[in-house]
Amino acid sequence: MIAYEKQGSPPISTRKFIGRVIRHFLFVLLLLAISLAGGMAGYEYFEGLAWRDAFLNSAMLLGGMGPVNAPVTNGGKVFAGAYALYAGLLFLLILAVMIAPLVHRIMHRFHWEEEQS
């Protein structure tokens, strides 16, 4: 868990802030890698796709483009639908994780300057 400074403490230095942004970015990359691997495994298992095709379908869904190969099995259809919903929610989570340090810094500076006045 990434600890943030409390309201009464001064804002962190620019160097520490950049480090925080990098840690958030690395967390997002890890989340994407795990999600991509899970999607590939699902497409390989349910649809019998080769790993390259499973990668393409998973990456396209995670990127918001939609699958390349339409699922043909019942299990594949259910998996593709669930994975598409997951990918949409993951997009929102990634967006929140990436902007959280910036929003926190802006809000913290605003409150810090307000307390100092």
Foldseek 3Di string as FASTA:
>chain_A
DDDDDDLQDAHDDPVVLVVLLVVLVVVLVVVLVVLLVVQLVQCCVQQVDDSVQSSQQSVCLLVVNHGPDDGDDPSSNVSSVVSSVVSVVSVVVSVCSNCVSVVVNVVSVVSNVVVVD
